[in-house]
Amino acid sequence: MKDTKTGTRPAAARKRATGAATSPRAVGIVGAGNMASALVKGWLGAGLYQPDELWVSDVDREKLAQFRRRFKITAARDNADLVSGSKVVVLAVKPQIIDTVLTQVRPGGVAGKLFISIAAGVPTIRIEAGLGPETRVLRVMPNTPALLGRGMSVMVRGRYATPADEKLGLKLLGAVGQAVTVPDERMLDAVTGLSGSGPAYVYLMVEGLITGGVHAGLPRALAVQLVLQTLRGAAAMLQETGETPEALRAQVTSPGGTTLAGLSELERRGFKDALAAAVVAATRRSSELGRGGR
């Protein structure tokens, strides 16, 4: 009898394996980094899979050992071994090594399998070319808040992926935050520049606000508390009131007041333009990586 939630047999009814899988596991993950950890944590926490339905491969043996200890899932002998024993394969690797990884996984047999790539900037056509004709590919751009189940993931289907593949991809990504699809893969570079790299822009802004509070005379611990709660509150206002950022900013800004003084200094130093330029620069770099740039 199959589990209606996951479409797989209950863990008790399946033969447990070590090393090579005796029957295909639901998902194999190439790469045991932070994003792979976030995904596995989310899937296990949401009850989408049991540990023996997943396995992982990585060239870093220490990282792999830590991953196995944390999640109690099996490690594959190598990338080809993992692909041969998986129904779905997640490529959780850096874009700079994607071509090497594709060469390694192809001998495992790609026919009939779904590949989900989170390699920044790498287009689906490049993955399809590296794996073989008519390979089903989903390309995803997640971000690091997925580690807390609060990520933002954007997905696009390759030429051969099906609506059912898309539905499964959204289900898997939804376990670590919000997930949406876009119809045009060209949007993924801009997604990378905005939400993919965006948390780092926010962290830099937070660094600046904390430093400003300290320079203005606050103890650092208090400055940190004020900044973090202000950030939470401002995000909640944007999400829950339905007001635009411009309207909310206007509500806080009184003529001749303190907020106006601060905003005027930010405008003088090009704060908003600098943020917009950062997104464009990161988008451009995503496009370069997709073309094989280093």
Protein backbone atom coordinates (compact mmCIF):
# COMPACT_ATOMS: atom_id res chain seq x y z
CA MET A 1 0.00 0.00 0.00
CA LYS A 2 1.35 3.42 -0.90
CA ASP A 3 1.47 6.48 1.31
CA THR A 4 -0.97 8.93 -0.30
CA LYS A 5 1.11 11.91 0.77
CA THR A 6 4.42 10.88 -0.77
CA GLY A 7 3.43 8.25 -3.31
CA THR A 8 5.97 5.85 -1.82
CA ARG A 9 5.67 2.72 0.28
CA PRO A 10 5.78 3.17 4.06
CA ALA A 11 9.27 2.88 5.53
CA ALA A 12 8.37 -0.33 7.39
CA ALA A 13 7.36 -2.01 4.13
CA ARG A 14 10.58 -1.19 2.28
CA LYS A 15 13.90 -2.93 2.51
CA ARG A 16 16.50 -0.78 4.22
CA ALA A 17 19.80 -0.52 2.42
CA THR A 18 23.31 0.74 2.92
CA GLY A 19 25.62 1.70 0.10
CA ALA A 20 23.92 1.05 -3.23
CA ALA A 21 20.13 1.13 -3.12
CA THR A 22 18.32 -2.19 -3.70
CA SER A 23 15.32 -0.22 -5.00
CA PRO A 24 15.20 3.42 -6.10
CA ARG A 25 15.08 5.96 -3.30
CA ALA A 26 12.70 8.85 -3.68
CA VAL A 27 15.40 11.56 -3.77
CA GLY A 28 19.16 11.60 -4.09
CA ILE A 29 21.10 14.80 -3.36
CA VAL A 30 24.42 15.59 -5.01
CA GLY A 31 26.17 17.93 -2.58
CA ALA A 32 25.94 18.08 1.22
CA GLY A 33 26.11 21.85 1.70
CA ASN A 34 23.84 24.32 3.46
CA MET A 35 21.04 24.30 0.91
CA ALA A 36 20.96 20.50 0.77
CA SER A 37 20.76 20.51 4.58
CA ALA A 38 17.87 22.98 4.48
CA LEU A 39 15.95 20.86 1.99
CA VAL A 40 16.42 17.58 3.86
CA LYS A 41 15.52 19.21 7.18
CA GLY A 42 12.35 20.63 5.63
CA TRP A 43 11.32 17.36 3.97
CA LEU A 44 11.84 15.30 7.10
CA GLY A 45 10.14 17.89 9.30
CA ALA A 46 7.12 18.09 7.00
CA GLY A 47 6.85 14.31 6.84
CA LEU A 48 7.32 14.23 3.08
CA TYR A 49 9.99 11.54 3.35
CA GLN A 50 11.61 9.22 5.86
CA PRO A 51 15.42 9.12 6.19
CA ASP A 52 15.69 5.83 4.28
CA GLU A 53 13.96 7.39 1.28
CA LEU A 54 16.84 9.84 0.83
CA TRP A 55 20.56 9.62 0.26
CA VAL A 56 23.44 11.95 -0.52
CA SER A 57 26.83 12.17 -2.20
CA ASP A 58 29.69 14.65 -1.80
CA VAL A 59 33.43 14.68 -2.50
CA ASP A 60 34.04 16.27 0.93
CA ARG A 61 34.07 13.20 3.18
CA GLU A 62 33.91 15.19 6.44
CA LYS A 63 30.94 17.23 5.25
CA LEU A 64 29.28 14.03 4.12
CA ALA A 65 29.87 12.39 7.50
CA GLN A 66 28.35 15.36 9.31
CA PHE A 67 25.33 15.26 7.00
CA ARG A 68 24.83 11.55 7.65
CA ARG A 69 25.11 11.96 11.43
CA ARG A 70 22.65 14.82 11.47
CA PHE A 71 19.93 13.31 9.30
CA LYS A 72 20.60 9.56 9.58
CA ILE A 73 20.52 9.10 5.83
CA THR A 74 22.76 6.90 3.70
CA ALA A 75 25.71 8.12 1.65
CA ALA A 76 26.17 6.89 -1.91
CA ARG A 77 29.54 5.57 -3.08
CA ASP A 78 29.72 8.25 -5.78
CA ASN A 79 27.52 10.46 -7.93
CA ALA A 80 26.78 7.79 -10.54
CA ASP A 81 25.81 5.35 -7.79
CA LEU A 82 23.42 7.92 -6.34
CA VAL A 83 21.75 8.65 -9.69
CA SER A 84 21.31 4.97 -10.51
CA GLY A 85 19.39 4.46 -7.26
CA SER A 86 17.20 7.59 -7.23
CA LYS A 87 13.92 8.63 -8.80
CA VAL A 88 14.61 12.35 -8.31
CA VAL A 89 18.11 13.87 -8.22
CA VAL A 90 18.82 17.27 -6.68
CA LEU A 91 21.98 18.94 -8.01
CA ALA A 92 22.95 21.05 -4.98
CA VAL A 93 26.37 22.13 -6.23
CA LYS A 94 28.22 25.32 -7.15
CA PRO A 95 27.82 26.47 -10.76
CA GLN A 96 31.59 26.41 -11.26
CA ILE A 97 31.63 22.59 -10.99
CA ILE A 98 28.33 21.75 -12.65
CA ASP A 99 29.87 20.42 -15.88
CA THR A 100 32.14 18.07 -13.93
CA VAL A 101 29.19 16.86 -11.87
CA LEU A 102 27.06 16.25 -14.97
CA THR A 103 29.84 14.14 -16.42
CA GLN A 104 30.00 12.13 -13.19
CA VAL A 105 26.26 11.50 -12.83
CA ARG A 106 25.47 10.58 -16.44
CA PRO A 107 26.88 7.02 -16.21
CA GLY A 108 24.29 6.33 -13.49
CA GLY A 109 21.56 6.38 -16.13
CA VAL A 110 19.36 9.46 -16.45
CA ALA A 111 16.42 8.08 -18.41
CA GLY A 112 13.10 8.50 -16.63
CA LYS A 113 14.56 10.55 -13.76
CA LEU A 114 13.80 14.11 -12.73
CA PHE A 115 16.74 16.42 -12.07
CA ILE A 116 16.29 19.52 -9.89
CA SER A 117 19.19 21.96 -10.16
CA ILE A 118 19.92 24.74 -7.68
CA ALA A 119 23.24 25.65 -9.34
CA ALA A 120 23.03 29.45 -9.64
CA GLY A 121 22.89 30.78 -13.17
CA VAL A 122 23.11 27.43 -14.98
CA PRO A 123 20.35 27.23 -17.62
CA THR A 124 18.26 24.12 -18.14
CA ILE A 125 19.51 23.68 -21.71
CA ARG A 126 23.07 23.33 -20.43
CA ILE A 127 22.02 20.66 -17.92
CA GLU A 128 19.97 18.85 -20.57
CA ALA A 129 22.97 18.88 -22.90
CA GLY A 130 25.22 17.53 -20.17
CA LEU A 131 22.89 14.71 -19.17
CA GLY A 132 21.49 13.57 -22.50
CA PRO A 133 18.48 13.89 -24.80
CA GLU A 134 15.08 14.70 -23.31
CA THR A 135 16.25 14.80 -19.70
CA ARG A 136 13.58 16.24 -17.38
CA VAL A 137 15.02 19.25 -15.57
CA LEU A 138 13.69 21.81 -13.10
CA ARG A 139 15.89 24.82 -12.40
CA VAL A 140 15.44 26.46 -9.01
CA MET A 141 16.81 29.58 -7.34
CA PRO A 142 16.32 29.29 -3.55
CA ASN A 143 17.83 31.46 -0.84
CA THR A 144 19.44 30.80 2.52
CA PRO A 145 16.47 31.60 4.80
CA ALA A 146 15.34 28.14 3.68
CA LEU A 147 17.60 26.97 6.52
CA LEU A 148 14.86 28.23 8.87
CA GLY A 149 11.96 27.16 6.67
CA ARG A 150 11.48 30.77 5.51
CA GLY A 151 13.09 30.66 2.11
CA MET A 152 11.97 32.08 -1.21
CA SER A 153 12.38 29.71 -4.15
CA VAL A 154 11.62 30.39 -7.81
CA MET A 155 11.42 27.54 -10.29
CA VAL A 156 11.25 27.10 -14.06
CA ARG A 157 10.65 23.97 -16.11
CA GLY A 158 13.09 22.72 -18.71
CA ARG A 159 11.91 21.68 -22.17
CA TYR A 160 11.08 18.11 -21.16
CA ALA A 161 9.81 18.53 -17.59
CA THR A 162 6.10 17.87 -17.14
CA PRO A 163 3.36 19.65 -15.19
CA ALA A 164 3.56 16.76 -12.71
CA ASP A 165 7.29 17.45 -12.28
CA GLU A 166 6.51 21.10 -11.60
CA LYS A 167 3.91 20.14 -9.01
CA LEU A 168 6.40 17.88 -7.23
CA GLY A 169 9.07 20.59 -7.33
CA LEU A 170 6.73 23.12 -5.72
CA LYS A 171 5.85 20.58 -3.03
CA LEU A 172 9.49 19.91 -2.20
CA LEU A 173 10.44 23.59 -2.15
CA GLY A 174 7.31 24.55 -0.22
CA ALA A 175 8.66 22.55 2.71
CA VAL A 176 11.35 25.22 3.22
CA GLY A 177 9.37 28.40 2.59
CA GLN A 178 7.47 29.99 -0.28
CA ALA A 179 7.87 28.66 -3.82
CA VAL A 180 6.63 30.00 -7.15
CA THR A 181 7.17 29.23 -10.82
CA VAL A 182 7.95 31.59 -13.68
CA PRO A 183 7.25 30.92 -17.37
CA ASP A 184 10.44 32.48 -18.78
CA GLU A 185 13.81 31.11 -17.73
CA ARG A 186 15.47 34.43 -18.54
CA MET A 187 13.87 35.76 -15.35
CA LEU A 188 15.96 33.40 -13.22
CA ASP A 189 19.10 35.53 -13.47
CA ALA A 190 17.20 38.51 -12.07
CA VAL A 191 15.67 36.28 -9.39
CA THR A 192 19.21 35.26 -8.45
CA GLY A 193 20.29 38.89 -8.25
CA LEU A 194 17.30 39.85 -6.09
CA SER A 195 16.07 37.10 -3.77
CA GLY A 196 19.02 34.75 -4.17
CA SER A 197 21.62 37.35 -3.20
CA GLY A 198 19.15 39.63 -1.41
CA PRO A 199 19.67 38.33 2.15
CA ALA A 200 23.29 39.52 1.97
CA TYR A 201 22.15 43.04 1.05
CA VAL A 202 19.82 43.03 4.06
CA TYR A 203 22.60 41.80 6.35
CA LEU A 204 24.87 44.60 5.15
CA MET A 205 22.12 47.14 5.84
CA VAL A 206 21.70 45.68 9.32
CA GLU A 207 25.46 45.99 9.91
CA GLY A 208 25.25 49.66 8.99
CA LEU A 209 22.26 50.33 11.24
CA ILE A 210 23.94 48.65 14.21
CA THR A 211 27.13 50.60 13.62
CA GLY A 212 25.13 53.82 13.40
CA GLY A 213 23.40 53.06 16.68
CA VAL A 214 26.73 52.44 18.41
CA HIS A 215 28.24 55.63 16.96
CA ALA A 216 25.17 57.53 18.18
CA GLY A 217 25.83 56.34 21.75
CA LEU A 218 23.94 53.06 22.22
CA PRO A 219 25.40 49.89 23.76
CA ARG A 220 25.94 47.37 20.96
CA ALA A 221 23.58 44.78 22.46
CA LEU A 222 20.77 47.31 22.59
CA ALA A 223 21.49 48.51 19.06
CA VAL A 224 21.27 44.91 17.81
CA GLN A 225 17.95 44.37 19.60
CA LEU A 226 16.49 47.59 18.22
CA VAL A 227 17.59 46.88 14.66
CA LEU A 228 16.36 43.29 14.54
CA GLN A 229 12.95 44.08 15.97
CA THR A 230 12.63 47.11 13.70
CA LEU A 231 13.41 44.86 10.74
CA ARG A 232 10.80 42.30 11.82
CA GLY A 233 8.19 44.99 12.37
CA ALA A 234 8.86 46.74 9.06
CA ALA A 235 8.65 43.44 7.15
CA ALA A 236 5.35 42.63 8.90
CA MET A 237 3.95 46.05 7.97
CA LEU A 238 4.82 45.44 4.32
CA GLN A 239 3.34 41.93 4.31
CA GLU A 240 0.21 42.52 6.37
CA THR A 241 -1.03 46.04 5.59
CA GLY A 242 -1.04 45.81 1.81
CA GLU A 243 0.53 49.27 1.64
CA THR A 244 3.34 50.06 -0.77
CA PRO A 245 6.85 50.74 0.56
CA GLU A 246 6.49 54.34 -0.62
CA ALA A 247 3.23 54.82 1.33
CA LEU A 248 4.62 53.31 4.52
CA ARG A 249 7.77 55.39 4.25
CA ALA A 250 5.66 58.52 3.88
CA GLN A 251 3.73 57.65 7.05
CA VAL A 252 6.95 57.67 9.05
CA THR A 253 8.40 60.81 7.45
CA SER A 254 7.24 64.12 8.93
CA PRO A 255 8.29 67.44 7.38
CA GLY A 256 11.42 68.70 9.14
CA GLY A 257 11.56 65.59 11.34
CA THR A 258 14.24 63.08 12.29
CA THR A 259 13.28 60.46 9.68
CA LEU A 260 13.52 63.01 6.90
CA ALA A 261 16.98 63.96 8.10
CA GLY A 262 18.08 60.35 7.94
CA LEU A 263 16.46 59.68 4.57
CA SER A 264 18.04 62.81 3.12
CA GLU A 265 21.47 61.53 4.10
CA LEU A 266 20.73 58.14 2.51
CA GLU A 267 19.57 59.86 -0.67
CA ARG A 268 22.66 62.07 -0.72
CA ARG A 269 24.83 58.95 -0.57
CA GLY A 270 22.85 57.10 -3.22
CA PHE A 271 21.47 54.34 -0.97
CA LYS A 272 18.50 53.27 -3.12
CA ASP A 273 20.45 53.52 -6.36
CA ALA A 274 23.24 51.44 -4.84
CA LEU A 275 20.79 48.66 -3.91
CA ALA A 276 19.30 48.66 -7.41
CA ALA A 277 22.80 48.52 -8.89
CA ALA A 278 23.67 45.58 -6.63
CA VAL A 279 20.73 43.58 -7.98
CA VAL A 280 21.73 44.36 -11.57
CA ALA A 281 25.38 43.43 -10.91
CA ALA A 282 24.41 40.13 -9.31
CA THR A 283 22.03 39.42 -12.21
CA ARG A 284 24.86 40.01 -14.66
CA ARG A 285 27.14 37.67 -12.71
CA SER A 286 24.44 34.97 -12.70
CA SER A 287 24.27 35.21 -16.48
CA GLU A 288 28.08 34.91 -16.72
CA LEU A 289 28.06 31.79 -14.54
CA GLY A 290 25.37 30.28 -16.72
CA ARG A 291 27.64 30.69 -19.74
CA GLY A 292 30.46 28.86 -17.96
CA GLY A 293 32.23 31.86 -16.44
CA ARG A 294 34.48 31.47 -13.43
